[in-house]
Amino acid sequence: MRVSRLVNHRKPAFGKNMLTPMIDVVFLLLVFFICASSGQMREAVLPTVLSQGSTTPLNTTKPQQREQTEVWIDIAGSQTGETSLRLNNQPLKNLEELRQSLTSIAASSSDPIVILRPTEEMTTQMIVAVMDACEQAGMVTIHFSGR
């Protein structure tokens, strides 16, 4: 049996049949953009009311900045395990005295900043206790500083 030569078993060339779908896509995009832009109004047609402006001078005063009080707390430990507290370079006896001093500072100034400077020997428990004393006194902005 012989195969007829009329049947072409080769694939068509690349660009020969691929041009029709591309033309369809371009046509659909053209129709889409024409339909989308036809519903818009021109800005020149829209009514616009402009204010007449004023000749009053601008307020050029700068806003007042609140001065924030910095409270430095030094927490140092000794070889014997004793802890020494200093509030703005003034020695304190214990945490209760620290809490009372912080409460009086918080009452006299608005939003003071507490800066803790613990030594390397300090335990986390003591640092947290000082932070609790600050929070009980109403001081919520607490920063840490290295030595």
C-alpha atoms as a PDB file:
ATOM      1  CA  MET A   1       0.000   0.000   0.000  1.00  0.00           C
ATOM      2  CA  ARG A   2       1.224   3.311  -0.976  1.00  0.00           C
ATOM      3  CA  VAL A   3       0.860   6.562   0.986  1.00  0.00           C
ATOM      4  CA  SER A   4      -0.591   9.335  -1.001  1.00  0.00           C
ATOM      5  CA  ARG A   5       1.546  12.354  -1.646  1.00  0.00           C
ATOM      6  CA  LEU A   6      -1.391  14.687  -1.237  1.00  0.00           C
ATOM      7  CA  VAL A   7      -1.324  14.490   2.569  1.00  0.00           C
ATOM      8  CA  ASN A   8       1.251  16.841   4.029  1.00  0.00           C
ATOM      9  CA  HIS A   9       2.644  15.460   7.282  1.00  0.00           C
ATOM     10  CA  ARG A  10       4.884  18.413   8.016  1.00  0.00           C
ATOM     11  CA  LYS A  11       4.022  21.010  10.666  1.00  0.00           C
ATOM     12  CA  PRO A  12       3.128  24.473   9.405  1.00  0.00           C
ATOM     13  CA  ALA A  13       5.747  27.212   9.531  1.00  0.00           C
ATOM     14  CA  PHE A  14       5.915  29.209  12.780  1.00  0.00           C
ATOM     15  CA  GLY A  15       4.487  32.538  11.677  1.00  0.00           C
ATOM     16  CA  LYS A  16       2.000  31.302   9.130  1.00  0.00           C
ATOM     17  CA  ASN A  17      -0.974  30.360  11.352  1.00  0.00           C
ATOM     18  CA  MET A  18       0.013  32.240  14.561  1.00  0.00           C
ATOM     19  CA  LEU A  19      -0.794  35.692  13.170  1.00  0.00           C
ATOM     20  CA  THR A  20      -4.595  35.362  13.379  1.00  0.00           C
ATOM     21  CA  PRO A  21      -4.842  34.952  17.204  1.00  0.00           C
ATOM     22  CA  MET A  22      -2.482  37.877  17.707  1.00  0.00           C
ATOM     23  CA  ILE A  23      -4.634  40.115  15.497  1.00  0.00           C
ATOM     24  CA  ASP A  24      -7.693  39.042  17.498  1.00  0.00           C
ATOM     25  CA  VAL A  25      -6.024  39.971  20.790  1.00  0.00           C
ATOM     26  CA  VAL A  26      -4.958  43.388  19.510  1.00  0.00           C
ATOM     27  CA  PHE A  27      -8.461  44.043  18.221  1.00  0.00           C
ATOM     28  CA  LEU A  28     -10.015  43.079  21.581  1.00  0.00           C
ATOM     29  CA  LEU A  29      -7.600  45.386  23.450  1.00  0.00           C
ATOM     30  CA  LEU A  30      -8.464  48.232  21.094  1.00  0.00           C
ATOM     31  CA  VAL A  31     -12.202  47.708  21.649  1.00  0.00           C
ATOM     32  CA  PHE A  32     -11.674  47.515  25.429  1.00  0.00           C
ATOM     33  CA  PHE A  33      -9.758  50.816  25.654  1.00  0.00           C
ATOM     34  CA  ILE A  34     -12.211  52.619  23.384  1.00  0.00           C
ATOM     35  CA  CYS A  35     -15.157  51.472  25.543  1.00  0.00           C
ATOM     36  CA  ALA A  36     -13.344  52.278  28.801  1.00  0.00           C
ATOM     37  CA  SER A  37     -12.391  55.802  27.771  1.00  0.00           C
ATOM     38  CA  SER A  38     -15.761  56.768  26.280  1.00  0.00           C
ATOM     39  CA  GLY A  39     -17.449  56.955  29.706  1.00  0.00           C
ATOM     40  CA  GLN A  40     -15.064  59.557  31.157  1.00  0.00           C
ATOM     41  CA  MET A  41     -15.920  63.234  31.370  1.00  0.00           C
ATOM     42  CA  ARG A  42     -13.413  65.827  30.437  1.00  0.00           C
ATOM     43  CA  GLU A  43     -12.133  67.848  33.373  1.00  0.00           C
ATOM     44  CA  ALA A  44     -12.806  71.100  31.538  1.00  0.00           C
ATOM     45  CA  VAL A  45     -16.533  70.274  31.534  1.00  0.00           C
ATOM     46  CA  LEU A  46     -16.733  69.718  35.311  1.00  0.00           C
ATOM     47  CA  PRO A  47     -17.770  72.777  37.362  1.00  0.00           C
ATOM     48  CA  THR A  48     -14.993  74.070  39.609  1.00  0.00           C
ATOM     49  CA  VAL A  49     -15.333  76.681  42.344  1.00  0.00           C
ATOM     50  CA  LEU A  50     -12.036  78.240  43.389  1.00  0.00           C
ATOM     51  CA  SER A  51     -11.632  80.262  46.551  1.00  0.00           C
ATOM     52  CA  GLN A  52     -10.503  83.872  46.255  1.00  0.00           C
ATOM     53  CA  GLY A  53      -7.538  83.470  48.609  1.00  0.00           C
ATOM     54  CA  SER A  54      -6.699  85.699  51.525  1.00  0.00           C
ATOM     55  CA  THR A  55      -4.032  88.211  52.339  1.00  0.00           C
ATOM     56  CA  THR A  56      -3.644  87.338  55.991  1.00  0.00           C
ATOM     57  CA  PRO A  57      -0.081  86.450  56.940  1.00  0.00           C
ATOM     58  CA  LEU A  58       0.727  82.922  57.966  1.00  0.00           C
ATOM     59  CA  ASN A  59       1.429  82.103  61.588  1.00  0.00           C
ATOM     60  CA  THR A  60       5.199  81.666  61.585  1.00  0.00           C
ATOM     61  CA  THR A  61       5.675  80.873  65.256  1.00  0.00           C
ATOM     62  CA  LYS A  62       7.219  77.519  65.951  1.00  0.00           C
ATOM     63  CA  PRO A  63       5.322  75.060  68.099  1.00  0.00           C
ATOM     64  CA  GLN A  64       6.589  74.872  71.634  1.00  0.00           C
ATOM     65  CA  GLN A  65       8.502  71.754  72.421  1.00  0.00           C
ATOM     66  CA  ARG A  66       8.040  70.181  75.783  1.00  0.00           C
ATOM     67  CA  GLU A  67      11.214  69.641  77.675  1.00  0.00           C
ATOM     68  CA  GLN A  68      11.511  66.092  78.827  1.00  0.00           C
ATOM     69  CA  THR A  69      13.275  65.333  82.058  1.00  0.00           C
ATOM     70  CA  GLU A  70      15.956  62.677  81.909  1.00  0.00           C
ATOM     71  CA  VAL A  71      16.241  60.466  84.977  1.00  0.00           C
ATOM     72  CA  TRP A  72      19.449  58.446  85.209  1.00  0.00           C
ATOM     73  CA  ILE A  73      19.436  55.337  87.377  1.00  0.00           C
ATOM     74  CA  ASP A  74      22.735  53.572  87.994  1.00  0.00           C
ATOM     75  CA  ILE A  75      22.452  49.985  89.171  1.00  0.00           C
ATOM     76  CA  ALA A  76      25.716  48.547  90.419  1.00  0.00           C
ATOM     77  CA  GLY A  77      26.488  45.272  92.090  1.00  0.00           C
ATOM     78  CA  SER A  78      29.376  44.391  94.346  1.00  0.00           C
ATOM     79  CA  GLN A  79      31.362  41.200  94.854  1.00  0.00           C
ATOM     80  CA  THR A  80      29.381  40.454  98.006  1.00  0.00           C
ATOM     81  CA  GLY A  81      26.067  40.513  96.156  1.00  0.00           C
ATOM     82  CA  GLU A  82      24.950  43.893  97.509  1.00  0.00           C
ATOM     83  CA  THR A  83      23.258  46.296  95.103  1.00  0.00           C
ATOM     84  CA  SER A  84      23.820  50.021  95.056  1.00  0.00           C
ATOM     85  CA  LEU A  85      21.324  52.363  93.417  1.00  0.00           C
ATOM     86  CA  ARG A  86      22.004  55.923  92.319  1.00  0.00           C
ATOM     87  CA  LEU A  87      19.321  58.293  91.037  1.00  0.00           C
ATOM     88  CA  ASN A  88      20.876  61.215  89.110  1.00  0.00           C
ATOM     89  CA  ASN A  89      24.179  60.523  90.910  1.00  0.00           C
ATOM     90  CA  GLN A  90      22.499  60.597  94.349  1.00  0.00           C
ATOM     91  CA  PRO A  91      22.887  57.341  96.319  1.00  0.00           C
ATOM     92  CA  LEU A  92      19.725  55.545  97.435  1.00  0.00           C
ATOM     93  CA  LYS A  93      19.281  52.938 100.176  1.00  0.00           C
ATOM     94  CA  ASN A  94      16.725  50.595  98.634  1.00  0.00           C
ATOM     95  CA  LEU A  95      14.022  50.138  96.015  1.00  0.00           C
ATOM     96  CA  GLU A  96      11.350  51.785  98.171  1.00  0.00           C
ATOM     97  CA  GLU A  97      13.366  54.999  98.356  1.00  0.00           C
ATOM     98  CA  LEU A  98      13.864  54.813  94.578  1.00  0.00           C
ATOM     99  CA  ARG A  99      10.114  54.391  94.066  1.00  0.00           C
ATOM    100  CA  GLN A 100       9.325  57.419  96.263  1.00  0.00           C
ATOM    101  CA  SER A 101      11.888  59.593  94.481  1.00  0.00           C
ATOM    102  CA  LEU A 102      10.584  58.534  91.068  1.00  0.00           C
ATOM    103  CA  THR A 103       6.995  59.274  92.118  1.00  0.00           C
ATOM    104  CA  SER A 104       7.944  62.823  93.119  1.00  0.00           C
ATOM    105  CA  ILE A 105       9.834  63.352  89.855  1.00  0.00           C
ATOM    106  CA  ALA A 106       6.894  61.997  87.821  1.00  0.00           C
ATOM    107  CA  ALA A 107       4.515  64.375  89.610  1.00  0.00           C
ATOM    108  CA  SER A 108       6.681  67.427  88.895  1.00  0.00           C
ATOM    109  CA  SER A 109       7.472  66.799  85.203  1.00  0.00           C
ATOM    110  CA  SER A 110       5.506  65.519  82.232  1.00  0.00           C
ATOM    111  CA  ASP A 111       6.582  62.250  80.627  1.00  0.00           C
ATOM    112  CA  PRO A 112      10.108  61.895  82.037  1.00  0.00           C
ATOM    113  CA  ILE A 113      12.567  59.557  80.339  1.00  0.00           C
ATOM    114  CA  VAL A 114      14.244  56.958  82.526  1.00  0.00           C
ATOM    115  CA  ILE A 115      17.706  55.804  81.485  1.00  0.00           C
ATOM    116  CA  LEU A 116      18.990  52.683  83.238  1.00  0.00           C
ATOM    117  CA  ARG A 117      22.721  52.001  83.446  1.00  0.00           C
ATOM    118  CA  PRO A 118      23.251  48.540  84.917  1.00  0.00           C
ATOM    119  CA  THR A 119      26.704  47.054  85.373  1.00  0.00           C
ATOM    120  CA  GLU A 120      27.640  43.702  83.916  1.00  0.00           C
ATOM    121  CA  GLU A 121      27.464  42.016  87.324  1.00  0.00           C
ATOM    122  CA  MET A 122      23.799  42.911  87.813  1.00  0.00           C
ATOM    123  CA  THR A 123      21.206  40.186  87.772  1.00  0.00           C
ATOM    124  CA  THR A 124      18.182  40.378  85.531  1.00  0.00           C
ATOM    125  CA  GLN A 125      15.983  40.117  88.628  1.00  0.00           C
ATOM    126  CA  MET A 126      17.316  43.402  90.036  1.00  0.00           C
ATOM    127  CA  ILE A 127      16.991  45.201  86.687  1.00  0.00           C
ATOM    128  CA  VAL A 128      13.378  44.042  86.377  1.00  0.00           C
ATOM    129  CA  ALA A 129      12.693  45.175  89.951  1.00  0.00           C
ATOM    130  CA  VAL A 130      13.979  48.672  89.103  1.00  0.00           C
ATOM    131  CA  MET A 131      11.860  48.709  85.935  1.00  0.00           C
ATOM    132  CA  ASP A 132       8.817  47.705  88.027  1.00  0.00           C
ATOM    133  CA  ALA A 133       9.541  50.587  90.417  1.00  0.00           C
ATOM    134  CA  CYS A 134       9.663  52.968  87.453  1.00  0.00           C
ATOM    135  CA  GLU A 135       6.367  51.667  86.123  1.00  0.00           C
ATOM    136  CA  GLN A 136       4.686  51.944  89.544  1.00  0.00           C
ATOM    137  CA  ALA A 137       5.864  55.564  89.755  1.00  0.00           C
ATOM    138  CA  GLY A 138       4.162  56.267  86.415  1.00  0.00           C
ATOM    139  CA  MET A 139       7.244  56.373  84.195  1.00  0.00           C
ATOM    140  CA  VAL A 140       6.724  54.358  81.049  1.00  0.00           C
ATOM    141  CA  THR A 141       9.583  55.534  78.800  1.00  0.00           C
ATOM    142  CA  ILE A 142      12.592  53.469  79.847  1.00  0.00           C
ATOM    143  CA  HIS A 143      15.870  53.237  77.951  1.00  0.00           C
ATOM    144  CA  PHE A 144      19.093  51.355  78.615  1.00  0.00           C
ATOM    145  CA  SER A 145      22.565  52.807  78.434  1.00  0.00           C
ATOM    146  CA  GLY A 146      25.942  51.127  78.447  1.00  0.00           C
ATOM    147  CA  ARG A 147      28.904  52.230  80.469  1.00  0.00           C
END
